[in-house]
C-alpha atoms as a PDB file:
ATOM      1  CA  UNK A   1       0.000   0.000   0.000  1.00  0.00           C
ATOM      2  CA  UNK A   2       1.165   3.468  -0.855  1.00  0.00           C
ATOM      3  CA  UNK A   3       1.365   6.240   1.652  1.00  0.00           C
ATOM      4  CA  UNK A   4       2.942   9.549   2.425  1.00  0.00           C
ATOM      5  CA  UNK A   5       6.406   9.897   3.863  1.00  0.00           C
ATOM      6  CA  UNK A   6       7.170  13.179   5.517  1.00  0.00           C
ATOM      7  CA  UNK A   7      10.909  13.722   5.585  1.00  0.00           C
ATOM      8  CA  UNK A   8      10.620  16.439   8.209  1.00  0.00           C
ATOM      9  CA  UNK A   9       8.441  14.285  10.483  1.00  0.00           C
ATOM     10  CA  UNK A  10      10.595  12.474  13.101  1.00  0.00           C
ATOM     11  CA  UNK A  11       7.960   9.707  13.360  1.00  0.00           C
ATOM     12  CA  UNK A  12       8.491   8.782   9.701  1.00  0.00           C
ATOM     13  CA  UNK A  13      12.175   9.367   9.167  1.00  0.00           C
ATOM     14  CA  UNK A  14      15.477  10.045  10.913  1.00  0.00           C
ATOM     15  CA  UNK A  15      16.387  12.705   8.352  1.00  0.00           C
ATOM     16  CA  UNK A  16      15.924  15.595  10.793  1.00  0.00           C
ATOM     17  CA  UNK A  17      18.249  13.958  13.315  1.00  0.00           C
ATOM     18  CA  UNK A  18      20.762  13.029  10.620  1.00  0.00           C
ATOM     19  CA  UNK A  19      20.717  16.543   9.191  1.00  0.00           C
ATOM     20  CA  UNK A  20      21.130  18.079  12.640  1.00  0.00           C
ATOM     21  CA  UNK A  21      24.027  15.760  13.445  1.00  0.00           C
ATOM     22  CA  UNK A  22      25.802  16.409  10.133  1.00  0.00           C
ATOM     23  CA  UNK A  23      25.382  20.154  10.360  1.00  0.00           C
ATOM     24  CA  UNK A  24      26.511  20.319  13.973  1.00  0.00           C
ATOM     25  CA  UNK A  25      29.546  18.082  13.449  1.00  0.00           C
ATOM     26  CA  UNK A  26      30.599  19.632  10.155  1.00  0.00           C
ATOM     27  CA  UNK A  27      29.750  23.268  10.833  1.00  0.00           C
ATOM     28  CA  UNK A  28      33.327  24.099  11.818  1.00  0.00           C
ATOM     29  CA  UNK A  29      34.608  22.436   8.649  1.00  0.00           C
ATOM     30  CA  UNK A  30      32.092  24.418   6.619  1.00  0.00           C
ATOM     31  CA  UNK A  31      33.246  27.642   8.263  1.00  0.00           C
ATOM     32  CA  UNK A  32      36.899  26.827   7.654  1.00  0.00           C
ATOM     33  CA  UNK A  33      36.310  25.901   4.024  1.00  0.00           C
ATOM     34  CA  UNK A  34      34.307  29.058   3.535  1.00  0.00           C
ATOM     35  CA  UNK A  35      37.065  31.116   5.082  1.00  0.00           C
ATOM     36  CA  UNK A  36      40.043  29.324   3.606  1.00  0.00           C
ATOM     37  CA  UNK A  37      38.814  28.582   0.129  1.00  0.00           C
ATOM     38  CA  UNK A  38      36.005  30.903  -0.825  1.00  0.00           C
ATOM     39  CA  UNK A  39      37.218  34.018   0.956  1.00  0.00           C
ATOM     40  CA  UNK A  40      40.798  33.516  -0.196  1.00  0.00           C
ATOM     41  CA  UNK A  41      39.609  33.060  -3.782  1.00  0.00           C
ATOM     42  CA  UNK A  42      37.580  36.257  -3.491  1.00  0.00           C
ATOM     43  CA  UNK A  43      40.531  38.083  -1.933  1.00  0.00           C
ATOM     44  CA  UNK A  44      42.920  36.867  -4.643  1.00  0.00           C
ATOM     45  CA  UNK A  45      40.518  37.935  -7.373  1.00  0.00           C
ATOM     46  CA  UNK A  46      39.985  41.345  -5.768  1.00  0.00           C
ATOM     47  CA  UNK A  47      43.730  41.950  -5.341  1.00  0.00           C
ATOM     48  CA  UNK A  48      44.361  40.896  -8.938  1.00  0.00           C
ATOM     49  CA  UNK A  49      41.726  43.324 -10.183  1.00  0.00           C
ATOM     50  CA  UNK A  50      43.223  46.141  -8.118  1.00  0.00           C
ATOM     51  CA  UNK A  51      46.706  45.330  -9.409  1.00  0.00           C
ATOM     52  CA  UNK A  52      45.454  45.295 -12.996  1.00  0.00           C
ATOM     53  CA  UNK A  53      43.718  48.645 -12.507  1.00  0.00           C
ATOM     54  CA  UNK A  54      46.812  50.199 -10.965  1.00  0.00           C
ATOM     55  CA  UNK A  55      48.989  48.771 -13.755  1.00  0.00           C
ATOM     56  CA  UNK A  56      46.678  50.267 -16.368  1.00  0.00           C
ATOM     57  CA  UNK A  57      46.725  53.589 -14.514  1.00  0.00           C
ATOM     58  CA  UNK A  58      50.529  53.565 -14.344  1.00  0.00           C
ATOM     59  CA  UNK A  59      50.758  52.772 -18.055  1.00  0.00           C
ATOM     60  CA  UNK A  60      48.350  55.617 -18.798  1.00  0.00           C
ATOM     61  CA  UNK A  61      50.439  57.999 -16.695  1.00  0.00           C
ATOM     62  CA  UNK A  62      53.607  56.839 -18.457  1.00  0.00           C
ATOM     63  CA  UNK A  63      52.017  57.487 -21.851  1.00  0.00           C
ATOM     64  CA  UNK A  64      50.808  60.906 -20.731  1.00  0.00           C
ATOM     65  CA  UNK A  65      54.178  61.807 -19.273  1.00  0.00           C
ATOM     66  CA  UNK A  66      55.879  60.654 -22.484  1.00  0.00           C
ATOM     67  CA  UNK A  67      53.561  62.940 -24.453  1.00  0.00           C
ATOM     68  CA  UNK A  68      54.254  65.769 -22.012  1.00  0.00           C
ATOM     69  CA  UNK A  69      57.971  65.058 -22.275  1.00  0.00           C
ATOM     70  CA  UNK A  70      57.694  65.255 -26.051  1.00  0.00           C
ATOM     71  CA  UNK A  71      55.866  68.555 -25.731  1.00  0.00           C
ATOM     72  CA  UNK A  72      58.549  69.815 -23.359  1.00  0.00           C
ATOM     73  CA  UNK A  73      61.252  68.783 -25.807  1.00  0.00           C
ATOM     74  CA  UNK A  74      59.396  70.605 -28.602  1.00  0.00           C
ATOM     75  CA  UNK A  75      59.040  73.657 -26.377  1.00  0.00           C
ATOM     76  CA  UNK A  76      62.717  73.532 -25.433  1.00  0.00           C
ATOM     77  CA  UNK A  77      63.634  73.263 -29.116  1.00  0.00           C
ATOM     78  CA  UNK A  78      61.461  76.264 -30.002  1.00  0.00           C
ATOM     79  CA  UNK A  79      62.948  78.284 -27.150  1.00  0.00           C
ATOM     80  CA  UNK A  80      66.452  77.399 -28.317  1.00  0.00           C
ATOM     81  CA  UNK A  81      65.543  78.503 -31.850  1.00  0.00           C
ATOM     82  CA  UNK A  82      64.154  81.796 -30.568  1.00  0.00           C
ATOM     83  CA  UNK A  83      67.242  82.339 -28.411  1.00  0.00           C
ATOM     84  CA  UNK A  84      69.466  81.757 -31.452  1.00  0.00           C
ATOM     85  CA  UNK A  85      67.356  84.167 -33.494  1.00  0.00           C
ATOM     86  CA  UNK A  86      67.580  86.809 -30.757  1.00  0.00           C
ATOM     87  CA  UNK A  87      71.344  86.292 -30.627  1.00  0.00           C
ATOM     88  CA  UNK A  88      71.615  86.810 -34.411  1.00  0.00           C
ATOM     89  CA  UNK A  89      69.465  89.944 -34.218  1.00  0.00           C
ATOM     90  CA  UNK A  90      71.599  91.324 -31.394  1.00  0.00           C
ATOM     91  CA  UNK A  91      74.743  90.649 -33.439  1.00  0.00           C
ATOM     92  CA  UNK A  92      73.217  92.402 -36.458  1.00  0.00           C
ATOM     93  CA  UNK A  93      72.208  95.332 -34.259  1.00  0.00           C
ATOM     94  CA  UNK A  94      75.718  95.519 -32.806  1.00  0.00           C
ATOM     95  CA  UNK A  95      77.191  95.541 -36.350  1.00  0.00           C
ATOM     96  CA  UNK A  96      74.824  98.310 -37.400  1.00  0.00           C
ATOM     97  CA  UNK A  97      75.697 100.351 -34.332  1.00  0.00           C
ATOM     98  CA  UNK A  98      79.385  99.808 -35.001  1.00  0.00           C
ATOM     99  CA  UNK A  99      78.924 100.935 -38.613  1.00  0.00           C
ATOM    100  CA  UNK A 100      77.056 104.031 -37.482  1.00  0.00           C
ATOM    101  CA  UNK A 101      79.816 104.921 -35.073  1.00  0.00           C
ATOM    102  CA  UNK A 102      82.573 104.444 -37.639  1.00  0.00           C
ATOM    103  CA  UNK A 103      80.793 105.987 -40.624  1.00  0.00           C
ATOM    104  CA  UNK A 104      77.883 108.292 -39.714  1.00  0.00           C
ATOM    105  CA  UNK A 105      77.363 109.117 -43.418  1.00  0.00           C
ATOM    106  CA  UNK A 106      76.357 105.505 -44.126  1.00  0.00           C
ATOM    107  CA  UNK A 107      73.202 106.042 -42.081  1.00  0.00           C
ATOM    108  CA  UNK A 108      72.306 109.120 -44.134  1.00  0.00           C
ATOM    109  CA  UNK A 109      73.075 107.475 -47.480  1.00  0.00           C
ATOM    110  CA  UNK A 110      71.420 104.194 -46.479  1.00  0.00           C
ATOM    111  CA  UNK A 111      74.486 102.043 -47.142  1.00  0.00           C
END
């Protein structure tokens, strides 16, 4: 004859007692596994993600600083060119002043 078996009913089955015994005896193991395995896996993954983000950030900063360095080199080059041009102009001005002092008529004649 067929009937109903209630797993949670202690009159029908020892499942409740078995479950209680297994949980109580293995709870510490479950806690340790959770801590040792699952938490450590989470921690490792989180640290790896942070390291990857910081590596990407450092690479970005390196690229930006390289661009800035290139801009600084360009700026330094332009400044050096302007300094050389100013030096040439000052030399030309000094020559003209020297010519004026030696031959004042050259200024009047335009030669």
